[in-house]
C-alpha atoms as a PDB file:
ATOM      1  CA  MET A   1     -21.400  27.406 -10.167  1.00  0.00           C
ATOM      2  CA  LYS A   2     -19.971  25.625  -6.551  1.00  0.00           C
ATOM      3  CA  ALA A   3     -16.489  25.622  -6.001  1.00  0.00           C
ATOM      4  CA  CYS A   4     -14.951  22.794  -4.714  1.00  0.00           C
ATOM      5  CA  PRO A   5     -13.892  22.819  -0.834  1.00  0.00           C
ATOM      6  CA  ASP A   6     -10.759  21.129  -1.450  1.00  0.00           C
ATOM      7  CA  CYS A   7      -9.349  22.453  -5.450  1.00  0.00           C
ATOM      8  CA  GLY A   8     -11.544  25.321  -5.164  1.00  0.00           C
ATOM      9  CA  SER A   9     -12.308  24.315  -8.966  1.00  0.00           C
ATOM     10  CA  GLU A  10     -15.952  25.651  -9.969  1.00  0.00           C
ATOM     11  CA  ASN A  11     -18.337  22.746 -10.680  1.00  0.00           C
ATOM     12  CA  GLU A  12     -21.884  22.947 -11.795  1.00  0.00           C
ATOM     13  CA  ASP A  13     -24.677  23.220  -9.196  1.00  0.00           C
ATOM     14  CA  ALA A  14     -26.018  19.741  -9.692  1.00  0.00           C
ATOM     15  CA  ALA A  15     -22.319  18.341  -9.802  1.00  0.00           C
ATOM     16  CA  VAL A  16     -22.018  15.533  -6.808  1.00  0.00           C
ATOM     17  CA  THR A  17     -18.450  14.957  -7.280  1.00  0.00           C
ATOM     18  CA  CYS A  18     -15.529  17.566  -8.293  1.00  0.00           C
ATOM     19  CA  PHE A  19     -14.430  17.320 -11.471  1.00  0.00           C
ATOM     20  CA  ASP A  20     -10.939  17.953 -11.076  1.00  0.00           C
ATOM     21  CA  CYS A  21     -10.166  16.133  -8.117  1.00  0.00           C
ATOM     22  CA  GLY A  22     -12.819  13.903  -7.410  1.00  0.00           C
ATOM     23  CA  SER A  23     -13.823  15.007  -3.791  1.00  0.00           C
ATOM     24  CA  LEU A  24     -17.046  14.231  -2.622  1.00  0.00           C
ATOM     25  CA  PHE A  25     -19.314  17.665  -2.416  1.00  0.00           C
ATOM     26  CA  ALA A  26     -21.135  17.619   1.698  1.00  0.00           C
ATOM     27  CA  ASP A  27     -24.229  19.241   0.256  1.00  0.00           C
ATOM     28  CA  GLN A  28     -25.304  15.752  -1.818  1.00  0.00           C
ATOM     29  CA  VAL A  29     -25.052  13.989   1.648  1.00  0.00           C
ATOM     30  CA  GLY A  30     -27.034  16.824   3.519  1.00  0.00           C
ATOM     31  CA  VAL A  31     -24.366  18.392   5.192  1.00  0.00           C
ATOM     32  CA  GLU A  32     -24.055  22.054   5.236  1.00  0.00           C
ATOM     33  CA  VAL A  33     -20.494  22.951   2.860  1.00  0.00           C
ATOM     34  CA  GLY A  34     -18.152  24.659   5.360  1.00  0.00           C
ATOM     35  CA  ARG A  35     -15.577  27.538   4.202  1.00  0.00           C
ATOM     36  CA  ARG A  36     -12.837  26.379   2.126  1.00  0.00           C
ATOM     37  CA  ARG A  37      -9.683  26.168   4.018  1.00  0.00           C
ATOM     38  CA  THR A  38      -6.981  27.850   2.695  1.00  0.00           C
ATOM     39  CA  ILE A  39      -3.795  25.401   2.314  1.00  0.00           C
ATOM     40  CA  ASP A  40      -0.369  26.536   1.936  1.00  0.00           C
ATOM     41  CA  PRO A  41       1.614  25.496  -0.543  1.00  0.00           C
ATOM     42  CA  PRO A  42       4.339  23.605  -0.045  1.00  0.00           C
ATOM     43  CA  PRO A  43       8.164  25.367   0.525  1.00  0.00           C
ATOM     44  CA  MET A  44       9.609  25.344  -3.304  1.00  0.00           C
ATOM     45  CA  LEU A  45      13.119  23.895  -2.958  1.00  0.00           C
ATOM     46  CA  SER A  46      15.626  25.296  -4.806  1.00  0.00           C
ATOM     47  CA  VAL A  47      17.486  23.147  -7.529  1.00  0.00           C
ATOM     48  CA  PRO A  48      20.780  23.257  -7.285  1.00  0.00           C
ATOM     49  CA  SER A  49      22.403  25.143 -10.077  1.00  0.00           C
ATOM     50  CA  ASP A  50      25.282  23.288 -12.230  1.00  0.00           C
ATOM     51  CA  SER A  51      27.567  25.180 -14.307  1.00  0.00           C
ATOM     52  CA  GLY A  52      26.259  24.225 -18.242  1.00  0.00           C
ATOM     53  CA  ALA A  53      22.447  25.551 -16.651  1.00  0.00           C
ATOM     54  CA  THR A  54      20.985  27.919 -19.209  1.00  0.00           C
ATOM     55  CA  THR A  55      18.904  30.687 -17.778  1.00  0.00           C
ATOM     56  CA  GLU A  56      15.827  28.999 -18.684  1.00  0.00           C
ATOM     57  CA  THR A  57      16.383  25.733 -16.439  1.00  0.00           C
ATOM     58  CA  ARG A  58      18.077  27.389 -13.826  1.00  0.00           C
ATOM     59  CA  GLY A  59      16.017  27.350 -10.135  1.00  0.00           C
ATOM     60  CA  SER A  60      12.809  26.458 -12.271  1.00  0.00           C
ATOM     61  CA  THR A  61      11.151  23.783 -10.259  1.00  0.00           C
ATOM     62  CA  VAL A  62       7.729  22.114 -10.663  1.00  0.00           C
ATOM     63  CA  LEU A  63       5.253  19.266  -8.367  1.00  0.00           C
ATOM     64  CA  VAL A  64       5.409  16.148  -9.998  1.00  0.00           C
ATOM     65  CA  CYS A  65       3.754  12.896  -8.628  1.00  0.00           C
ATOM     66  CA  ARG A  66       5.999  10.369  -7.865  1.00  0.00           C
ATOM     67  CA  MET A  67       3.268   7.161  -8.924  1.00  0.00           C
ATOM     68  CA  CYS A  68       1.805   8.692 -11.639  1.00  0.00           C
ATOM     69  CA  GLY A  69       3.745  11.439 -12.778  1.00  0.00           C
ATOM     70  CA  ALA A  70       1.358  14.321 -13.370  1.00  0.00           C
ATOM     71  CA  VAL A  71       2.518  17.828 -12.712  1.00  0.00           C
ATOM     72  CA  THR A  72       0.489  19.317  -9.809  1.00  0.00           C
ATOM     73  CA  SER A  73      -0.773  22.508  -8.362  1.00  0.00           C
ATOM     74  CA  ALA A  74       0.979  24.025  -5.509  1.00  0.00           C
ATOM     75  CA  SER A  75      -2.861  24.279  -3.627  1.00  0.00           C
ATOM     76  CA  HIS A  76      -3.224  20.468  -3.707  1.00  0.00           C
ATOM     77  CA  THR A  77      -1.987  17.873  -1.147  1.00  0.00           C
ATOM     78  CA  ARG A  78      -2.769  15.633  -3.289  1.00  0.00           C
ATOM     79  CA  CYS A  79      -2.329  14.560  -6.835  1.00  0.00           C
ATOM     80  CA  THR A  80      -5.537  15.254  -9.209  1.00  0.00           C
ATOM     81  CA  VAL A  81      -4.871  12.381 -11.569  1.00  0.00           C
ATOM     82  CA  CYS A  82      -4.114   9.355  -9.131  1.00  0.00           C
ATOM     83  CA  GLY A  83      -5.248  10.684  -5.796  1.00  0.00           C
ATOM     84  CA  SER A  84      -1.773  10.300  -4.739  1.00  0.00           C
ATOM     85  CA  ASP A  85       0.168  12.386  -1.588  1.00  0.00           C
ATOM     86  CA  GLN A  86       3.349  11.295  -2.901  1.00  0.00           C
ATOM     87  CA  ILE A  87       4.397  14.916  -4.267  1.00  0.00           C
ATOM     88  CA  ALA A  88       7.926  15.887  -4.738  1.00  0.00           C
ATOM     89  CA  PRO A  89       9.188  19.122  -6.527  1.00  0.00           C
ATOM     90  CA  LYS A  90      11.609  18.467  -9.813  1.00  0.00           C
ATOM     91  CA  SER A  91      13.182  20.327 -11.950  1.00  0.00           C
ATOM     92  CA  ALA A  92      11.504  21.531 -14.750  1.00  0.00           C
ATOM     93  CA  SER A  93      14.144  20.639 -17.079  1.00  0.00           C
ATOM     94  CA  ALA A  94      13.628  16.674 -16.461  1.00  0.00           C
ATOM     95  CA  LEU A  95      10.341  16.928 -17.634  1.00  0.00           C
ATOM     96  CA  SER A  96       9.714  15.885 -21.020  1.00  0.00           C
ATOM     97  CA  ALA A  97       8.344  18.763 -23.751  1.00  0.00           C
ATOM     98  CA  ALA A  98       6.628  15.742 -25.238  1.00  0.00           C
ATOM     99  CA  LYS A  99       4.434  15.320 -22.276  1.00  0.00           C
ATOM    100  CA  SER A 100       1.368  17.526 -23.489  1.00  0.00           C
ATOM    101  CA  GLY A 101      -2.746  16.943 -22.840  1.00  0.00           C
ATOM    102  CA  ARG A 102      -4.576  15.725 -19.909  1.00  0.00           C
ATOM    103  CA  LYS A 103      -4.017  11.950 -18.299  1.00  0.00           C
ATOM    104  CA  LYS A 104      -6.799   9.863 -18.237  1.00  0.00           C
ATOM    105  CA  ARG A 105      -8.085  10.006 -14.744  1.00  0.00           C
ATOM    106  CA  LEU A 106      -8.414   7.071 -12.703  1.00  0.00           C
ATOM    107  CA  SER A 107     -11.673   5.750 -10.836  1.00  0.00           C
ATOM    108  CA  ALA A 108     -11.886   5.386  -7.374  1.00  0.00           C
ATOM    109  CA  TRP A 109     -11.406   1.360  -7.997  1.00  0.00           C
ATOM    110  CA  ASP A 110      -7.888   2.159  -9.292  1.00  0.00           C
ATOM    111  CA  ARG A 111      -7.379   4.169  -6.631  1.00  0.00           C
ATOM    112  CA  ARG A 112      -7.761   1.822  -3.934  1.00  0.00           C
ATOM    113  CA  PRO A 113      -5.511   0.590  -1.958  1.00  0.00           C
ATOM    114  CA  ARG A 114      -3.529  -2.609  -2.971  1.00  0.00           C
ATOM    115  CA  LYS A 115      -2.293  -4.188   0.642  1.00  0.00           C
ATOM    116  CA  GLY A 116      -3.439  -7.367   0.597  1.00  0.00           C
ATOM    117  CA  VAL A 117      -4.382  -8.050  -2.427  1.00  0.00           C
ATOM    118  CA  ILE A 118      -3.760 -11.027  -4.622  1.00  0.00           C
ATOM    119  CA  ASP A 119      -2.824  -8.837  -7.688  1.00  0.00           C
ATOM    120  CA  GLY A 120      -1.761  -5.534  -5.694  1.00  0.00           C
ATOM    121  CA  GLU A 121       1.436  -4.297  -4.890  1.00  0.00           C
ATOM    122  CA  PHE A 122       3.251  -7.576  -4.620  1.00  0.00           C
ATOM    123  CA  PRO A 123       6.011  -8.274  -6.963  1.00  0.00           C
ATOM    124  CA  ASP A 124       8.197 -10.736  -5.476  1.00  0.00           C
ATOM    125  CA  ILE A 125       4.536 -13.134  -5.135  1.00  0.00           C
ATOM    126  CA  SER A 126       2.694 -14.041  -7.905  1.00  0.00           C
ATOM    127  CA  SER A 127      -0.856 -15.132  -8.187  1.00  0.00           C
ATOM    128  CA  ALA A 128       0.122 -18.537  -9.366  1.00  0.00           C
ATOM    129  CA  TRP A 129       2.190 -18.940  -6.530  1.00  0.00           C
ATOM    130  CA  ILE A 130      -0.560 -18.130  -4.294  1.00  0.00           C
ATOM    131  CA  PHE A 131      -3.069 -20.376  -6.149  1.00  0.00           C
ATOM    132  CA  GLY A 132      -0.122 -23.114  -6.175  1.00  0.00           C
ATOM    133  CA  PHE A 133      -0.111 -23.531  -2.367  1.00  0.00           C
ATOM    134  CA  PHE A 134      -3.564 -22.428  -1.901  1.00  0.00           C
ATOM    135  CA  GLY A 135      -4.561 -25.864  -3.736  1.00  0.00           C
ATOM    136  CA  VAL A 136      -1.875 -27.582  -2.061  1.00  0.00           C
ATOM    137  CA  GLY A 137      -3.324 -26.688   1.375  1.00  0.00           C
ATOM    138  CA  VAL A 138      -6.313 -27.944   0.796  1.00  0.00           C
ATOM    139  CA  LEU A 139      -5.348 -30.858  -0.525  1.00  0.00           C
ATOM    140  CA  LYS A 140      -3.006 -31.948   2.679  1.00  0.00           C
ATOM    141  CA  LEU A 141      -6.530 -30.644   4.679  1.00  0.00           C
ATOM    142  CA  LEU A 142      -8.542 -33.164   3.552  1.00  0.00           C
ATOM    143  CA  LEU A 143      -5.774 -36.187   2.741  1.00  0.00           C
ATOM    144  CA  CYS A 144      -3.944 -35.554   6.420  1.00  0.00           C
ATOM    145  CA  THR A 145      -7.599 -35.014   8.077  1.00  0.00           C
ATOM    146  CA  VAL A 146      -8.294 -38.428   6.799  1.00  0.00           C
ATOM    147  CA  LEU A 147      -5.092 -40.310   7.369  1.00  0.00           C
ATOM    148  CA  GLY A 148      -4.620 -39.257  10.851  1.00  0.00           C
ATOM    149  CA  ALA A 149      -8.413 -40.102  11.743  1.00  0.00           C
ATOM    150  CA  GLN A 150      -7.704 -43.659  10.085  1.00  0.00           C
ATOM    151  CA  ILE A 151      -4.945 -43.792  12.272  1.00  0.00           C
ATOM    152  CA  VAL A 152      -5.783 -42.412  15.448  1.00  0.00           C
ATOM    153  CA  LEU A 153      -9.016 -44.459  15.726  1.00  0.00           C
ATOM    154  CA  GLY A 154      -7.588 -47.990  13.666  1.00  0.00           C
ATOM    155  CA  GLN A 155      -6.219 -51.338  15.620  1.00  0.00           C
ATOM    156  CA  ALA A 156      -3.611 -53.680  14.882  1.00  0.00           C
ATOM    157  CA  GLY A 157      -4.454 -56.684  12.982  1.00  0.00           C
ATOM    158  CA  PRO A 158      -5.313 -58.468   9.125  1.00  0.00           C
ATOM    159  CA  LYS A 159      -7.578 -55.638   8.059  1.00  0.00           C
ATOM    160  CA  GLY A 160      -6.383 -52.987  10.884  1.00  0.00           C
ATOM    161  CA  LEU A 161      -3.217 -50.997  11.027  1.00  0.00           C
ATOM    162  CA  HIS A 162       0.172 -52.538  10.125  1.00  0.00           C
ATOM    163  CA  PRO A 163       2.286 -53.291  13.800  1.00  0.00           C
ATOM    164  CA  THR A 164       4.605 -50.610  13.043  1.00  0.00           C
ATOM    165  CA  THR A 165       1.807 -48.039  12.415  1.00  0.00           C
ATOM    166  CA  ALA A 166      -0.132 -49.213  15.603  1.00  0.00           C
ATOM    167  CA  ALA A 167       3.217 -48.961  17.669  1.00  0.00           C
ATOM    168  CA  TRP A 168       3.912 -45.278  16.364  1.00  0.00           C
ATOM    169  CA  LYS A 169      -0.302 -44.225  16.007  1.00  0.00           C
ATOM    170  CA  TRP A 170       0.002 -41.719  18.551  1.00  0.00           C
ATOM    171  CA  ALA A 171       2.611 -40.301  17.464  1.00  0.00           C
ATOM    172  CA  VAL A 172       1.942 -39.956  13.828  1.00  0.00           C
ATOM    173  CA  GLY A 173      -1.964 -39.564  14.087  1.00  0.00           C
ATOM    174  CA  PRO A 174      -2.038 -35.914  15.851  1.00  0.00           C
ATOM    175  CA  VAL A 175       1.080 -34.896  14.142  1.00  0.00           C
ATOM    176  CA  LEU A 176      -1.070 -36.027  10.938  1.00  0.00           C
ATOM    177  CA  LEU A 177      -4.238 -34.027  12.658  1.00  0.00           C
ATOM    178  CA  LEU A 178      -1.861 -30.404  13.273  1.00  0.00           C
ATOM    179  CA  ASP A 179      -0.380 -30.430   9.900  1.00  0.00           C
ATOM    180  CA  ALA A 180      -4.194 -30.298   8.270  1.00  0.00           C
ATOM    181  CA  PHE A 181      -4.819 -27.605  10.600  1.00  0.00           C
ATOM    182  CA  LEU A 182      -1.812 -26.042   9.648  1.00  0.00           C
ATOM    183  CA  ALA A 183      -2.291 -26.732   6.093  1.00  0.00           C
ATOM    184  CA  ALA A 184      -5.468 -24.761   6.432  1.00  0.00           C
ATOM    185  CA  VAL A 185      -4.264 -21.888   8.158  1.00  0.00           C
ATOM    186  CA  GLY A 186      -1.447 -21.869   6.617  1.00  0.00           C
ATOM    187  CA  ALA A 187      -3.792 -21.655   3.280  1.00  0.00           C
ATOM    188  CA  ILE A 188      -6.352 -19.479   4.264  1.00  0.00           C
ATOM    189  CA  GLY A 189      -3.656 -16.878   5.009  1.00  0.00           C
ATOM    190  CA  LEU A 190      -1.611 -16.973   1.966  1.00  0.00           C
ATOM    191  CA  PHE A 191      -4.976 -16.658  -0.088  1.00  0.00           C
ATOM    192  CA  TYR A 192      -5.061 -13.217   2.448  1.00  0.00           C
ATOM    193  CA  LEU A 193      -1.336 -12.178   1.677  1.00  0.00           C
ATOM    194  CA  ARG A 194      -0.513 -12.685   5.550  1.00  0.00           C
ATOM    195  CA  LYS A 195       3.001 -13.692   6.942  1.00  0.00           C
ATOM    196  CA  TYR A 196       1.435 -16.063   9.618  1.00  0.00           C
ATOM    197  CA  GLY A 197       0.135 -18.015   6.635  1.00  0.00           C
ATOM    198  CA  ALA A 198       3.348 -18.281   5.455  1.00  0.00           C
ATOM    199  CA  ALA A 199       4.543 -19.306   8.545  1.00  0.00           C
ATOM    200  CA  ALA A 200       2.253 -21.758   9.504  1.00  0.00           C
ATOM    201  CA  MET A 201       2.131 -23.605   5.881  1.00  0.00           C
ATOM    202  CA  SER A 202       6.146 -23.583   6.158  1.00  0.00           C
ATOM    203  CA  VAL A 203       5.739 -25.307   9.375  1.00  0.00           C
ATOM    204  CA  SER A 204       3.130 -27.906   8.107  1.00  0.00           C
ATOM    205  CA  LEU A 205       5.287 -28.622   5.288  1.00  0.00           C
ATOM    206  CA  VAL A 206       8.335 -29.546   8.092  1.00  0.00           C
ATOM    207  CA  LEU A 207       5.800 -31.954   9.452  1.00  0.00           C
ATOM    208  CA  ASP A 208       5.630 -33.501   6.089  1.00  0.00           C
ATOM    209  CA  VAL A 209       9.198 -33.699   6.021  1.00  0.00           C
ATOM    210  CA  LEU A 210       9.070 -35.645   9.376  1.00  0.00           C
ATOM    211  CA  LEU A 211       6.675 -37.806   8.463  1.00  0.00           C
ATOM    212  CA  LEU A 212       7.871 -38.733   4.891  1.00  0.00           C
ATOM    213  CA  SER A 213      11.373 -39.343   6.877  1.00  0.00           C
ATOM    214  CA  TRP A 214       9.351 -41.628   9.252  1.00  0.00           C
ATOM    215  CA  LEU A 215       8.680 -43.837   5.911  1.00  0.00           C
ATOM    216  CA  VAL A 216      11.803 -44.028   4.402  1.00  0.00           C
ATOM    217  CA  VAL A 217      13.389 -45.064   7.926  1.00  0.00           C
ATOM    218  CA  PHE A 218      11.160 -47.717   8.614  1.00  0.00           C
ATOM    219  CA  ASN A 219       9.927 -49.028   4.917  1.00  0.00           C
ATOM    220  CA  THR A 220      14.290 -48.674   4.110  1.00  0.00           C
ATOM    221  CA  TRP A 221      15.741 -50.340   7.806  1.00  0.00           C
ATOM    222  CA  GLY A 222      12.226 -51.083   9.239  1.00  0.00           C
ATOM    223  CA  THR A 223       9.166 -53.844   8.519  1.00  0.00           C
ATOM    224  CA  LEU A 224       7.294 -51.022   7.096  1.00  0.00           C
ATOM    225  CA  ASN A 225       7.200 -51.803   3.435  1.00  0.00           C
ATOM    226  CA  ILE A 226       5.109 -49.453   1.174  1.00  0.00           C
ATOM    227  CA  TRP A 227       5.158 -49.480  -2.841  1.00  0.00           C
ATOM    228  CA  PRO A 228       7.274 -48.152  -4.834  1.00  0.00           C
ATOM    229  CA  GLY A 229       9.803 -47.938  -2.392  1.00  0.00           C
ATOM    230  CA  SER A 230      11.907 -44.919  -0.679  1.00  0.00           C
ATOM    231  CA  GLY A 231      12.599 -42.987  -3.401  1.00  0.00           C
ATOM    232  CA  PRO A 232       9.263 -41.126  -4.172  1.00  0.00           C
ATOM    233  CA  TYR A 233       9.072 -40.280  -0.194  1.00  0.00           C
ATOM    234  CA  PHE A 234      12.720 -38.900  -0.177  1.00  0.00           C
ATOM    235  CA  PHE A 235      12.260 -36.635  -3.051  1.00  0.00           C
ATOM    236  CA  LEU A 236       8.806 -35.517  -1.615  1.00  0.00           C
ATOM    237  CA  ALA A 237      10.608 -34.508   1.232  1.00  0.00           C
ATOM    238  CA  CYS A 238      13.506 -32.860  -0.400  1.00  0.00           C
ATOM    239  CA  LEU A 239      10.713 -30.946  -1.908  1.00  0.00           C
ATOM    240  CA  GLY A 240       9.048 -30.339   1.304  1.00  0.00           C
ATOM    241  CA  VAL A 241      12.407 -28.826   2.752  1.00  0.00           C
ATOM    242  CA  ALA A 242      12.843 -26.254  -0.409  1.00  0.00           C
ATOM    243  CA  PHE A 243       9.990 -25.099  -0.175  1.00  0.00           C
ATOM    244  CA  SER A 244       9.461 -24.710   3.809  1.00  0.00           C
ATOM    245  CA  ILE A 245      13.012 -22.306   3.402  1.00  0.00           C
ATOM    246  CA  GLU A 246      10.608 -20.597   0.893  1.00  0.00           C
ATOM    247  CA  LEU A 247       7.704 -19.723   2.226  1.00  0.00           C
ATOM    248  CA  MET A 248       9.298 -18.983   6.004  1.00  0.00           C
ATOM    249  CA  TYR A 249      11.921 -16.557   4.079  1.00  0.00           C
ATOM    250  CA  LYS A 250       8.945 -14.906   2.322  1.00  0.00           C
ATOM    251  CA  ALA A 251       6.697 -14.822   6.503  1.00  0.00           C
ATOM    252  CA  VAL A 252       9.947 -12.831   7.544  1.00  0.00           C
ATOM    253  CA  LYS A 253      11.221 -10.787   4.617  1.00  0.00           C
ATOM    254  CA  GLY A 254       8.430 -10.905   2.209  1.00  0.00           C
ATOM    255  CA  ASP A 255       5.949  -7.842   1.709  1.00  0.00           C
ATOM    256  CA  MET A 256       3.386  -8.940   2.754  1.00  0.00           C
ATOM    257  CA  LEU A 257       0.928  -7.783   6.280  1.00  0.00           C
END
């Protein structure tokens, strides 16, 4: 039998990890096992007693994991069930008497860090929301790149650009190419739950609003006649404003990296 250097539990000589806390034995990686470091138990906090407390509950405290609710020994600095270091004293009277038996031990994969993962600790951002904007970013990358290149390289004429578009080519074309770049950066950033991804996608939608406004103005009061009128472009511009505000809010105050 050999003792775990972290929690002191007895394990078989051939054990690779401790059955109690999951720590890896150093002798399994060719490193000599050192002497176990003595861990001072955390100070026991006194629970303020009220007038109605009984002798059994008055002053009785235990260490409870805030993540999974398991009762933890005072000699452990981490929870032996989920591995969290969020351990706090709690009144024994607050614990349910119905809790009995040992909880199912979580694997190392279940205890992995969840920051920056789509299905992680982000209750305000769903995976459907992320993949939806990721698809929008990919579509905008392809569409805006093709349209921007055609406008920048095109010439006015019967088989080329409309005279109004040709007059604005050095304004509309580069904006479309910049829009495509920001959409790609935003899609990748949102996929990894980064704040810069939400900000880039928000700016990309602002450029969409400007381009759609240009279409609405010249289609309504100018010579640029595009089927089926200005209504659909105005509606898309309103959606772009709403989504841009939402994305920028998540970039500033959202629970992302």
